[in-house]
């Protein structure tokens, strides 16, 4: 079986178990037990996740993202990670992932649109920042063979009703849209047959408490 690693913030948390379920006959799917937060945290923690999760170094594909935490503005301050530092961190994460998983195909997912008009004043994200940081990340990776999974473009065209809150798409419709976009890229890169996954079936079959 193939081995896939999913790394990312709470957006990843919304699709990881469904990707794992959808690919259960094709691949082992691993991901950290926590929200991977901002870029510098990913750089520091990824080796610990690999060790603690017993992932090994033989992954076939790593699908990762970092950005929404980096764009976060608290109490009117600038983004958590300055834009010039964000590009540097994306390059360093890419290098670290290639060191830890030397045979893996790399997929970077852009950060998703938020419902910025619903944020409060003290805890804020702007889509203009997210778009800029996405551009920075893509530019930082342009000289690599990393595949870009453009989740921002996907979410930019989804109805607001697909959102469960100002940031996340944990509704059934949002979950399915995100899960299937991730699956499309993974299946194409690893040569799997295309999957049309419905997360509602997972909830129907899962034991109570999952």
Protein backbone atom coordinates (compact mmCIF):
# COMPACT_ATOMS: atom_id res chain seq x y z
CA UNK A 1 0.00 0.00 0.00
CA UNK A 2 1.02 3.60 -0.52
CA UNK A 3 1.76 5.86 2.45
CA UNK A 4 0.34 9.38 2.65
CA UNK A 5 1.05 12.13 5.19
CA UNK A 6 -1.42 14.99 5.77
CA UNK A 7 -0.07 18.06 7.60
CA UNK A 8 -1.98 21.25 8.25
CA UNK A 9 -4.11 23.47 10.44
CA UNK A 10 -7.77 23.08 11.43
CA UNK A 11 -8.77 23.09 7.77
CA UNK A 12 -6.93 19.76 7.47
CA UNK A 13 -8.74 18.54 10.58
CA UNK A 14 -11.97 18.94 8.61
CA UNK A 15 -11.01 16.40 5.95
CA UNK A 16 -8.19 14.15 7.25
CA UNK A 17 -10.28 11.27 8.60
CA UNK A 18 -12.45 11.28 5.48
CA UNK A 19 -9.44 11.13 3.17
CA UNK A 20 -8.16 8.24 5.28
CA UNK A 21 -11.49 6.45 5.04
CA UNK A 22 -11.80 7.03 1.29
CA UNK A 23 -8.31 5.61 0.66
CA UNK A 24 -8.43 2.73 3.13
CA UNK A 25 -8.05 0.15 0.36
CA UNK A 26 -5.26 2.05 -1.40
CA UNK A 27 -3.04 3.69 1.20
CA UNK A 28 -2.10 4.19 4.81
CA UNK A 29 -2.90 7.79 5.74
CA UNK A 30 -1.19 9.48 8.68
CA UNK A 31 -1.59 12.93 10.22
CA UNK A 32 -0.67 14.65 13.48
CA UNK A 33 -3.12 14.39 16.39
CA UNK A 34 -3.14 18.18 16.68
CA UNK A 35 -3.80 21.35 14.74
CA UNK A 36 -0.48 22.14 13.03
CA UNK A 37 -0.94 25.91 13.48
CA UNK A 38 1.48 28.33 11.82
CA UNK A 39 4.46 27.77 9.53
CA UNK A 40 7.21 28.01 12.14
CA UNK A 41 5.38 25.50 14.34
CA UNK A 42 5.21 23.04 11.42
CA UNK A 43 8.95 23.41 10.84
CA UNK A 44 9.70 22.72 14.50
CA UNK A 45 7.20 19.92 15.12
CA UNK A 46 7.16 17.80 11.95
CA UNK A 47 10.08 15.63 13.04
CA UNK A 48 8.32 14.99 16.37
CA UNK A 49 5.11 14.04 14.59
CA UNK A 50 7.00 11.62 12.40
CA UNK A 51 8.72 10.04 15.41
CA UNK A 52 5.70 9.90 17.72
CA UNK A 53 3.35 8.72 14.99
CA UNK A 54 5.81 6.09 13.78
CA UNK A 55 5.34 7.31 10.20
CA UNK A 56 8.77 6.22 9.02
CA UNK A 57 10.56 7.95 6.16
CA UNK A 58 9.02 6.04 3.25
CA UNK A 59 5.96 8.18 2.51
CA UNK A 60 4.83 8.28 -1.10
CA UNK A 61 3.11 11.66 -0.81
CA UNK A 62 2.97 14.56 1.65
CA UNK A 63 0.02 16.96 1.41
CA UNK A 64 0.59 20.00 3.60
CA UNK A 65 -0.49 23.54 4.33
CA UNK A 66 0.33 26.43 6.63
CA UNK A 67 -0.98 29.95 6.33
CA UNK A 68 -4.23 30.80 8.09
CA UNK A 69 -2.52 31.15 11.47
CA UNK A 70 0.27 33.13 9.84
CA UNK A 71 -2.22 35.71 8.51
CA UNK A 72 -4.02 36.08 11.84
CA UNK A 73 -4.20 39.64 13.19
CA UNK A 74 -4.76 39.95 16.94
CA UNK A 75 -5.92 43.23 18.51
CA UNK A 76 -5.28 45.21 15.34
CA UNK A 77 -1.66 44.09 15.11
CA UNK A 78 0.12 42.96 11.95
CA UNK A 79 -0.16 39.33 10.78
CA UNK A 80 1.36 36.79 13.16
CA UNK A 81 4.07 35.91 10.62
CA UNK A 82 5.46 38.83 8.58
CA UNK A 83 5.06 38.17 4.84
CA UNK A 84 8.80 38.17 4.14
CA UNK A 85 9.32 35.61 6.92
CA UNK A 86 6.41 33.49 5.66
CA UNK A 87 8.14 32.88 2.32
CA UNK A 88 11.32 31.87 4.10
CA UNK A 89 9.43 29.45 6.35
CA UNK A 90 7.62 27.83 3.43
CA UNK A 91 10.97 27.15 1.75
CA UNK A 92 12.39 25.73 4.96
CA UNK A 93 9.39 23.47 5.54
CA UNK A 94 9.65 22.19 1.98
CA UNK A 95 13.33 21.41 2.52
CA UNK A 96 12.61 19.71 5.87
CA UNK A 97 9.83 17.56 4.44
CA UNK A 98 12.09 16.42 1.62
CA UNK A 99 14.75 15.50 4.18
CA UNK A 100 12.33 13.52 6.33
CA UNK A 101 10.42 11.91 3.44
CA UNK A 102 13.00 11.69 0.63
CA UNK A 103 10.91 9.70 -1.84
CA UNK A 104 7.60 11.51 -1.37
CA UNK A 105 5.75 13.63 -3.87
CA UNK A 106 5.01 17.02 -2.33
CA UNK A 107 1.64 18.78 -2.50
CA UNK A 108 1.11 22.23 -0.98
CA UNK A 109 -2.46 23.36 -0.33
CA UNK A 110 -3.24 27.06 -0.40
CA UNK A 111 -5.08 28.59 2.55
CA UNK A 112 -8.84 28.86 2.25
CA UNK A 113 -11.18 31.84 2.05
CA UNK A 114 -12.74 33.07 5.29
CA UNK A 115 -15.96 34.94 6.01
CA UNK A 116 -14.05 38.04 7.06
CA UNK A 117 -17.15 40.20 7.54
CA UNK A 118 -18.21 37.94 10.42
CA UNK A 119 -14.95 38.20 12.38
CA UNK A 120 -14.75 40.38 15.47
CA UNK A 121 -12.28 43.25 15.77
CA UNK A 122 -9.77 41.59 18.11
CA UNK A 123 -9.39 38.31 16.20
CA UNK A 124 -9.27 39.00 12.50
CA UNK A 125 -8.33 37.50 9.16
CA UNK A 126 -8.62 39.26 5.81
CA UNK A 127 -8.95 37.49 2.50
CA UNK A 128 -6.57 40.01 0.94
CA UNK A 129 -3.89 38.79 3.36
CA UNK A 130 -4.69 35.15 2.64
CA UNK A 131 -4.45 35.77 -1.10
CA UNK A 132 -1.11 37.55 -0.66
CA UNK A 133 0.33 34.79 1.52
CA UNK A 134 -0.85 32.18 -0.96
CA UNK A 135 1.02 34.05 -3.70
CA UNK A 136 4.11 34.18 -1.50
CA UNK A 137 3.95 30.43 -0.87
CA UNK A 138 3.51 29.56 -4.53
CA UNK A 139 6.42 31.85 -5.42
CA UNK A 140 8.58 30.26 -2.73
CA UNK A 141 7.92 26.80 -4.18
CA UNK A 142 8.20 27.70 -7.86
CA UNK A 143 11.64 26.15 -8.31
CA UNK A 144 10.55 22.82 -6.84
CA UNK A 145 8.37 20.04 -8.22
CA UNK A 146 5.75 20.63 -5.51
CA UNK A 147 2.19 20.35 -6.80
CA UNK A 148 -0.14 23.19 -5.75
CA UNK A 149 -3.61 22.20 -4.56
CA UNK A 150 -5.52 25.49 -4.87
CA UNK A 151 -8.02 25.21 -2.06
CA UNK A 152 -8.47 28.97 -2.01
CA UNK A 153 -9.96 29.01 -5.51
CA UNK A 154 -12.25 26.16 -4.51
CA UNK A 155 -13.55 27.95 -1.42
CA UNK A 156 -13.82 31.31 -3.18
CA UNK A 157 -16.60 29.78 -5.25
CA UNK A 158 -18.45 27.99 -2.45
CA UNK A 159 -21.59 29.46 -0.85
CA UNK A 160 -21.25 30.96 2.61
CA UNK A 161 -23.72 28.33 3.78
CA UNK A 162 -21.00 25.71 3.35
CA UNK A 163 -19.13 27.30 6.27
CA UNK A 164 -19.72 26.09 9.81
CA UNK A 165 -18.21 29.29 11.24
CA UNK A 166 -16.12 32.21 10.00
CA UNK A 167 -13.17 29.99 9.10
CA UNK A 168 -14.16 26.35 8.73
CA UNK A 169 -16.15 24.26 6.28
CA UNK A 170 -17.33 21.56 8.66
CA UNK A 171 -20.85 21.39 7.23
CA UNK A 172 -21.62 18.24 5.20
CA UNK A 173 -21.45 20.22 1.96
CA UNK A 174 -18.22 21.99 2.88
CA UNK A 175 -16.62 18.80 4.14
CA UNK A 176 -17.43 16.94 0.93
CA UNK A 177 -16.12 19.75 -1.26
CA UNK A 178 -12.82 19.92 0.63
CA UNK A 179 -12.37 16.18 0.95
CA UNK A 180 -12.98 15.52 -2.72
CA UNK A 181 -10.63 18.31 -3.82
CA UNK A 182 -7.84 16.80 -1.73
CA UNK A 183 -8.68 13.32 -2.97
CA UNK A 184 -8.61 14.48 -6.59
CA UNK A 185 -5.03 15.69 -6.28
CA UNK A 186 -3.83 12.67 -4.30
CA UNK A 187 -5.45 10.21 -6.68
CA UNK A 188 -3.98 11.95 -9.71
CA UNK A 189 -0.49 12.06 -8.24
CA UNK A 190 -0.49 8.44 -7.07
CA UNK A 191 -2.37 6.96 -10.01
CA UNK A 192 -5.48 5.93 -8.07
CA UNK A 193 -8.89 5.76 -9.66
CA UNK A 194 -10.88 8.95 -9.02
CA UNK A 195 -13.05 8.79 -5.91
CA UNK A 196 -16.30 10.64 -5.28
CA UNK A 197 -16.57 10.54 -1.51
CA UNK A 198 -19.58 11.35 0.66
CA UNK A 199 -18.68 12.04 4.29
CA UNK A 200 -22.28 11.38 5.31
CA UNK A 201 -21.67 7.68 4.71
CA UNK A 202 -18.79 7.78 7.19
CA UNK A 203 -21.06 9.19 9.88
CA UNK A 204 -23.69 6.57 9.15
CA UNK A 205 -21.19 3.73 9.50
CA UNK A 206 -18.99 5.08 12.29
CA UNK A 207 -19.55 3.83 15.86
CA UNK A 208 -21.16 6.20 18.30
CA UNK A 209 -18.57 8.55 19.78
CA UNK A 210 -16.24 8.76 16.79
